[in-house]
């Protein structure tokens, strides 16, 4: 589980725990900070679950949850800044880190969701032309390791056949 996004999310969770301690002990803020710690530490936990996923769909679902938790965390951070519980400098540092994790998660999500245009295949079958059930031809594709000894062919570009005007 040594992925870069996991490591960043783990370090981020530590920052969130420290922010929570500051907010509850120094600022005596207990409501928003509880929301922050729940969503901020959930990002890494969902990435860990994704890495242990039993299928590509399971992996994608957990990465999706991690991404949404990241968005929620950014919301709570903004609210805490705008209500003057955290200062601008601290906000900018932790918010930027959250935004970076969010971009990484979105990129992973985008790649795994493209798999809907291609079917799962084993490594031995790659590369070859693939077609989904609607007749969409996969023009360019990559093999993505999704864990649990599975790989998915991810469509980077697709081509829908031209309709036959004679029909």
C-alpha atoms as a PDB file:
ATOM      1  CA  UNK A   1       0.000   0.000   0.000  1.00  0.00           C
ATOM      2  CA  UNK A   2       2.851   2.347  -0.853  1.00  0.00           C
ATOM      3  CA  UNK A   3       1.009   4.448  -3.414  1.00  0.00           C
ATOM      4  CA  UNK A   4       1.801   8.147  -3.520  1.00  0.00           C
ATOM      5  CA  UNK A   5      -1.832   9.171  -3.023  1.00  0.00           C
ATOM      6  CA  UNK A   6      -2.131   6.878  -0.002  1.00  0.00           C
ATOM      7  CA  UNK A   7       1.036   8.321   1.561  1.00  0.00           C
ATOM      8  CA  UNK A   8      -0.154  11.882   0.960  1.00  0.00           C
ATOM      9  CA  UNK A   9      -3.587  11.094   2.396  1.00  0.00           C
ATOM     10  CA  UNK A  10      -1.993   9.538   5.480  1.00  0.00           C
ATOM     11  CA  UNK A  11       0.192  12.617   6.050  1.00  0.00           C
ATOM     12  CA  UNK A  12      -2.878  14.777   5.474  1.00  0.00           C
ATOM     13  CA  UNK A  13      -4.823  12.796   8.095  1.00  0.00           C
ATOM     14  CA  UNK A  14      -2.064  13.512  10.602  1.00  0.00           C
ATOM     15  CA  UNK A  15      -2.356  17.228   9.830  1.00  0.00           C
ATOM     16  CA  UNK A  16      -6.124  17.013  10.255  1.00  0.00           C
ATOM     17  CA  UNK A  17      -5.749  15.339  13.669  1.00  0.00           C
ATOM     18  CA  UNK A  18      -3.355  18.113  14.738  1.00  0.00           C
ATOM     19  CA  UNK A  19      -5.777  20.750  13.446  1.00  0.00           C
ATOM     20  CA  UNK A  20      -8.569  19.050  15.390  1.00  0.00           C
ATOM     21  CA  UNK A  21      -6.510  19.174  18.580  1.00  0.00           C
ATOM     22  CA  UNK A  22      -5.805  22.868  18.019  1.00  0.00           C
ATOM     23  CA  UNK A  23      -9.432  23.669  17.300  1.00  0.00           C
ATOM     24  CA  UNK A  24     -10.802  21.811  20.313  1.00  0.00           C
ATOM     25  CA  UNK A  25      -8.106  22.680  22.854  1.00  0.00           C
ATOM     26  CA  UNK A  26      -7.147  26.238  21.883  1.00  0.00           C
ATOM     27  CA  UNK A  27     -10.213  27.558  20.057  1.00  0.00           C
ATOM     28  CA  UNK A  28     -12.828  25.516  21.965  1.00  0.00           C
ATOM     29  CA  UNK A  29     -14.582  24.689  18.698  1.00  0.00           C
ATOM     30  CA  UNK A  30     -16.227  21.254  18.808  1.00  0.00           C
ATOM     31  CA  UNK A  31     -18.869  21.061  16.070  1.00  0.00           C
ATOM     32  CA  UNK A  32     -17.107  21.979  12.826  1.00  0.00           C
ATOM     33  CA  UNK A  33     -13.871  20.373  13.969  1.00  0.00           C
ATOM     34  CA  UNK A  34     -15.649  17.041  14.452  1.00  0.00           C
ATOM     35  CA  UNK A  35     -16.898  17.198  10.864  1.00  0.00           C
ATOM     36  CA  UNK A  36     -13.382  18.072   9.709  1.00  0.00           C
ATOM     37  CA  UNK A  37     -11.747  15.128  11.450  1.00  0.00           C
ATOM     38  CA  UNK A  38     -14.358  12.691  10.157  1.00  0.00           C
ATOM     39  CA  UNK A  39     -14.037  13.686   6.515  1.00  0.00           C
ATOM     40  CA  UNK A  40     -10.311  14.482   6.589  1.00  0.00           C
ATOM     41  CA  UNK A  41      -9.254  11.141   8.031  1.00  0.00           C
ATOM     42  CA  UNK A  42     -11.759   9.220   5.911  1.00  0.00           C
ATOM     43  CA  UNK A  43      -9.871  10.069   2.709  1.00  0.00           C
ATOM     44  CA  UNK A  44      -6.921   7.818   3.522  1.00  0.00           C
ATOM     45  CA  UNK A  45      -9.128   5.131   5.029  1.00  0.00           C
ATOM     46  CA  UNK A  46     -11.098   4.859   1.785  1.00  0.00           C
ATOM     47  CA  UNK A  47      -7.908   4.733  -0.263  1.00  0.00           C
ATOM     48  CA  UNK A  48      -6.731   1.871   1.966  1.00  0.00           C
ATOM     49  CA  UNK A  49     -10.041   0.078   1.352  1.00  0.00           C
ATOM     50  CA  UNK A  50      -9.718   0.709  -2.396  1.00  0.00           C
ATOM     51  CA  UNK A  51      -6.267  -0.856  -2.414  1.00  0.00           C
ATOM     52  CA  UNK A  52      -7.819  -3.965  -0.888  1.00  0.00           C
ATOM     53  CA  UNK A  53     -10.748  -3.954  -3.293  1.00  0.00           C
ATOM     54  CA  UNK A  54     -11.915  -7.263  -4.706  1.00  0.00           C
ATOM     55  CA  UNK A  55     -12.800  -5.901  -8.139  1.00  0.00           C
ATOM     56  CA  UNK A  56     -12.255  -2.921 -10.401  1.00  0.00           C
ATOM     57  CA  UNK A  57     -15.749  -1.676  -9.530  1.00  0.00           C
ATOM     58  CA  UNK A  58     -15.011  -1.939  -5.798  1.00  0.00           C
ATOM     59  CA  UNK A  59     -11.729  -0.070  -6.282  1.00  0.00           C
ATOM     60  CA  UNK A  60     -13.444   2.685  -8.270  1.00  0.00           C
ATOM     61  CA  UNK A  61     -16.276   3.041  -5.744  1.00  0.00           C
ATOM     62  CA  UNK A  62     -13.850   3.509  -2.817  1.00  0.00           C
ATOM     63  CA  UNK A  63     -11.728   6.018  -4.751  1.00  0.00           C
ATOM     64  CA  UNK A  64     -14.946   7.890  -5.542  1.00  0.00           C
ATOM     65  CA  UNK A  65     -15.828   8.041  -1.839  1.00  0.00           C
ATOM     66  CA  UNK A  66     -12.308   9.229  -0.988  1.00  0.00           C
ATOM     67  CA  UNK A  67     -12.637  11.995  -3.597  1.00  0.00           C
ATOM     68  CA  UNK A  68     -15.998  13.118  -2.179  1.00  0.00           C
ATOM     69  CA  UNK A  69     -14.576  13.115   1.357  1.00  0.00           C
ATOM     70  CA  UNK A  70     -11.765  15.324   0.089  1.00  0.00           C
ATOM     71  CA  UNK A  71     -14.298  17.787  -1.333  1.00  0.00           C
ATOM     72  CA  UNK A  72     -16.159  17.788   1.977  1.00  0.00           C
ATOM     73  CA  UNK A  73     -12.948  18.378   3.900  1.00  0.00           C
ATOM     74  CA  UNK A  74     -12.148  21.392   1.721  1.00  0.00           C
ATOM     75  CA  UNK A  75     -15.620  22.744   2.519  1.00  0.00           C
ATOM     76  CA  UNK A  76     -15.072  22.448   6.292  1.00  0.00           C
ATOM     77  CA  UNK A  77     -11.633  24.025   5.998  1.00  0.00           C
ATOM     78  CA  UNK A  78     -13.101  26.974   4.106  1.00  0.00           C
ATOM     79  CA  UNK A  79     -15.864  27.371   6.650  1.00  0.00           C
ATOM     80  CA  UNK A  80     -13.383  27.285   9.539  1.00  0.00           C
ATOM     81  CA  UNK A  81     -11.266  29.955   7.832  1.00  0.00           C
ATOM     82  CA  UNK A  82     -14.234  32.185   7.029  1.00  0.00           C
ATOM     83  CA  UNK A  83     -15.473  31.966  10.628  1.00  0.00           C
ATOM     84  CA  UNK A  84     -11.980  32.878  11.840  1.00  0.00           C
ATOM     85  CA  UNK A  85     -11.199  29.621  13.612  1.00  0.00           C
ATOM     86  CA  UNK A  86      -8.110  29.066  11.470  1.00  0.00           C
ATOM     87  CA  UNK A  87      -5.801  31.712  10.076  1.00  0.00           C
ATOM     88  CA  UNK A  88      -5.254  32.370   6.375  1.00  0.00           C
ATOM     89  CA  UNK A  89      -1.675  31.022   6.323  1.00  0.00           C
ATOM     90  CA  UNK A  90      -2.608  27.710   7.975  1.00  0.00           C
ATOM     91  CA  UNK A  91      -5.679  27.442   5.778  1.00  0.00           C
ATOM     92  CA  UNK A  92      -3.697  27.975   2.564  1.00  0.00           C
ATOM     93  CA  UNK A  93      -1.180  25.301   3.499  1.00  0.00           C
ATOM     94  CA  UNK A  94      -3.637  22.556   4.418  1.00  0.00           C
ATOM     95  CA  UNK A  95      -6.201  23.465   1.734  1.00  0.00           C
ATOM     96  CA  UNK A  96      -3.537  23.321  -0.988  1.00  0.00           C
ATOM     97  CA  UNK A  97      -2.502  19.874   0.252  1.00  0.00           C
ATOM     98  CA  UNK A  98      -6.139  18.722   0.164  1.00  0.00           C
ATOM     99  CA  UNK A  99      -6.563  20.118  -3.348  1.00  0.00           C
ATOM    100  CA  UNK A 100      -3.489  18.190  -4.508  1.00  0.00           C
ATOM    101  CA  UNK A 101      -4.884  14.938  -3.097  1.00  0.00           C
ATOM    102  CA  UNK A 102      -8.229  15.710  -4.719  1.00  0.00           C
ATOM    103  CA  UNK A 103      -6.600  16.136  -8.130  1.00  0.00           C
ATOM    104  CA  UNK A 104      -4.763  12.832  -7.742  1.00  0.00           C
ATOM    105  CA  UNK A 105      -7.953  11.027  -6.745  1.00  0.00           C
ATOM    106  CA  UNK A 106      -9.905  12.569  -9.612  1.00  0.00           C
ATOM    107  CA  UNK A 107      -7.231  11.462 -12.066  1.00  0.00           C
ATOM    108  CA  UNK A 108      -7.362   7.895 -10.731  1.00  0.00           C
ATOM    109  CA  UNK A 109     -11.151   7.972 -10.830  1.00  0.00           C
ATOM    110  CA  UNK A 110     -11.185   9.214 -14.404  1.00  0.00           C
ATOM    111  CA  UNK A 111      -8.870   6.408 -15.530  1.00  0.00           C
ATOM    112  CA  UNK A 112     -10.793   3.683 -13.746  1.00  0.00           C
ATOM    113  CA  UNK A 113     -14.152   4.976 -14.943  1.00  0.00           C
ATOM    114  CA  UNK A 114     -12.970   4.868 -18.561  1.00  0.00           C
ATOM    115  CA  UNK A 115     -12.902   1.118 -18.103  1.00  0.00           C
ATOM    116  CA  UNK A 116     -16.669   1.180 -18.685  1.00  0.00           C
ATOM    117  CA  UNK A 117     -15.872   1.462 -22.401  1.00  0.00           C
ATOM    118  CA  UNK A 118     -13.778  -1.682 -22.387  1.00  0.00           C
ATOM    119  CA  UNK A 119     -14.153  -5.104 -20.870  1.00  0.00           C
ATOM    120  CA  UNK A 120     -11.862  -6.675 -18.299  1.00  0.00           C
ATOM    121  CA  UNK A 121      -9.197  -8.856 -19.810  1.00  0.00           C
ATOM    122  CA  UNK A 122      -6.184 -10.690 -18.536  1.00  0.00           C
ATOM    123  CA  UNK A 123      -2.668  -9.422 -19.154  1.00  0.00           C
ATOM    124  CA  UNK A 124      -2.099 -12.163 -21.751  1.00  0.00           C
ATOM    125  CA  UNK A 125      -4.888 -10.773 -23.974  1.00  0.00           C
ATOM    126  CA  UNK A 126      -3.447  -7.255 -24.129  1.00  0.00           C
ATOM    127  CA  UNK A 127      -3.076  -5.558 -26.596  1.00  0.00           C
ATOM    128  CA  UNK A 128      -5.889  -6.259 -29.002  1.00  0.00           C
ATOM    129  CA  UNK A 129      -8.845  -4.376 -30.391  1.00  0.00           C
ATOM    130  CA  UNK A 130     -11.767  -4.333 -28.030  1.00  0.00           C
ATOM    131  CA  UNK A 131     -15.414  -3.607 -28.662  1.00  0.00           C
ATOM    132  CA  UNK A 132     -18.124  -2.967 -26.155  1.00  0.00           C
ATOM    133  CA  UNK A 133     -21.730  -4.032 -26.603  1.00  0.00           C
ATOM    134  CA  UNK A 134     -22.745  -0.858 -28.455  1.00  0.00           C
ATOM    135  CA  UNK A 135     -20.171  -1.394 -31.183  1.00  0.00           C
ATOM    136  CA  UNK A 136     -17.816   1.340 -29.949  1.00  0.00           C
ATOM    137  CA  UNK A 137     -14.329   0.537 -31.143  1.00  0.00           C
ATOM    138  CA  UNK A 138     -11.508   1.248 -28.703  1.00  0.00           C
ATOM    139  CA  UNK A 139      -8.840   3.034 -30.722  1.00  0.00           C
ATOM    140  CA  UNK A 140      -6.230   3.600 -28.020  1.00  0.00           C
ATOM    141  CA  UNK A 141      -6.019   1.923 -24.655  1.00  0.00           C
ATOM    142  CA  UNK A 142      -3.793   1.347 -21.629  1.00  0.00           C
ATOM    143  CA  UNK A 143      -3.582  -1.552 -19.239  1.00  0.00           C
ATOM    144  CA  UNK A 144      -4.145  -0.434 -15.650  1.00  0.00           C
ATOM    145  CA  UNK A 145      -3.311  -2.627 -12.671  1.00  0.00           C
ATOM    146  CA  UNK A 146      -6.207  -2.388 -10.223  1.00  0.00           C
ATOM    147  CA  UNK A 147      -4.864  -4.788  -7.632  1.00  0.00           C
ATOM    148  CA  UNK A 148      -5.960  -8.248  -6.583  1.00  0.00           C
ATOM    149  CA  UNK A 149      -4.201  -9.755  -9.637  1.00  0.00           C
ATOM    150  CA  UNK A 150      -6.546  -7.938 -12.001  1.00  0.00           C
ATOM    151  CA  UNK A 151      -5.973  -5.486 -14.765  1.00  0.00           C
ATOM    152  CA  UNK A 152      -8.410  -3.472 -16.791  1.00  0.00           C
ATOM    153  CA  UNK A 153      -8.015  -2.187 -20.305  1.00  0.00           C
ATOM    154  CA  UNK A 154      -8.827   1.505 -20.114  1.00  0.00           C
ATOM    155  CA  UNK A 155     -10.063   3.225 -23.237  1.00  0.00           C
ATOM    156  CA  UNK A 156      -8.219   6.470 -23.922  1.00  0.00           C
ATOM    157  CA  UNK A 157     -10.074   7.164 -27.147  1.00  0.00           C
ATOM    158  CA  UNK A 158     -13.020   5.506 -28.801  1.00  0.00           C
ATOM    159  CA  UNK A 159     -14.654   5.650 -32.196  1.00  0.00           C
ATOM    160  CA  UNK A 160     -18.331   5.034 -32.880  1.00  0.00           C
ATOM    161  CA  UNK A 161     -18.882   3.600 -36.359  1.00  0.00           C
ATOM    162  CA  UNK A 162     -20.477   5.980 -38.857  1.00  0.00           C
ATOM    163  CA  UNK A 163     -24.169   5.275 -39.395  1.00  0.00           C
ATOM    164  CA  UNK A 164     -25.000   3.643 -42.728  1.00  0.00           C
ATOM    165  CA  UNK A 165     -27.087   6.215 -44.658  1.00  0.00           C
ATOM    166  CA  UNK A 166     -28.506   3.446 -46.850  1.00  0.00           C
ATOM    167  CA  UNK A 167     -30.529   1.961 -43.977  1.00  0.00           C
END
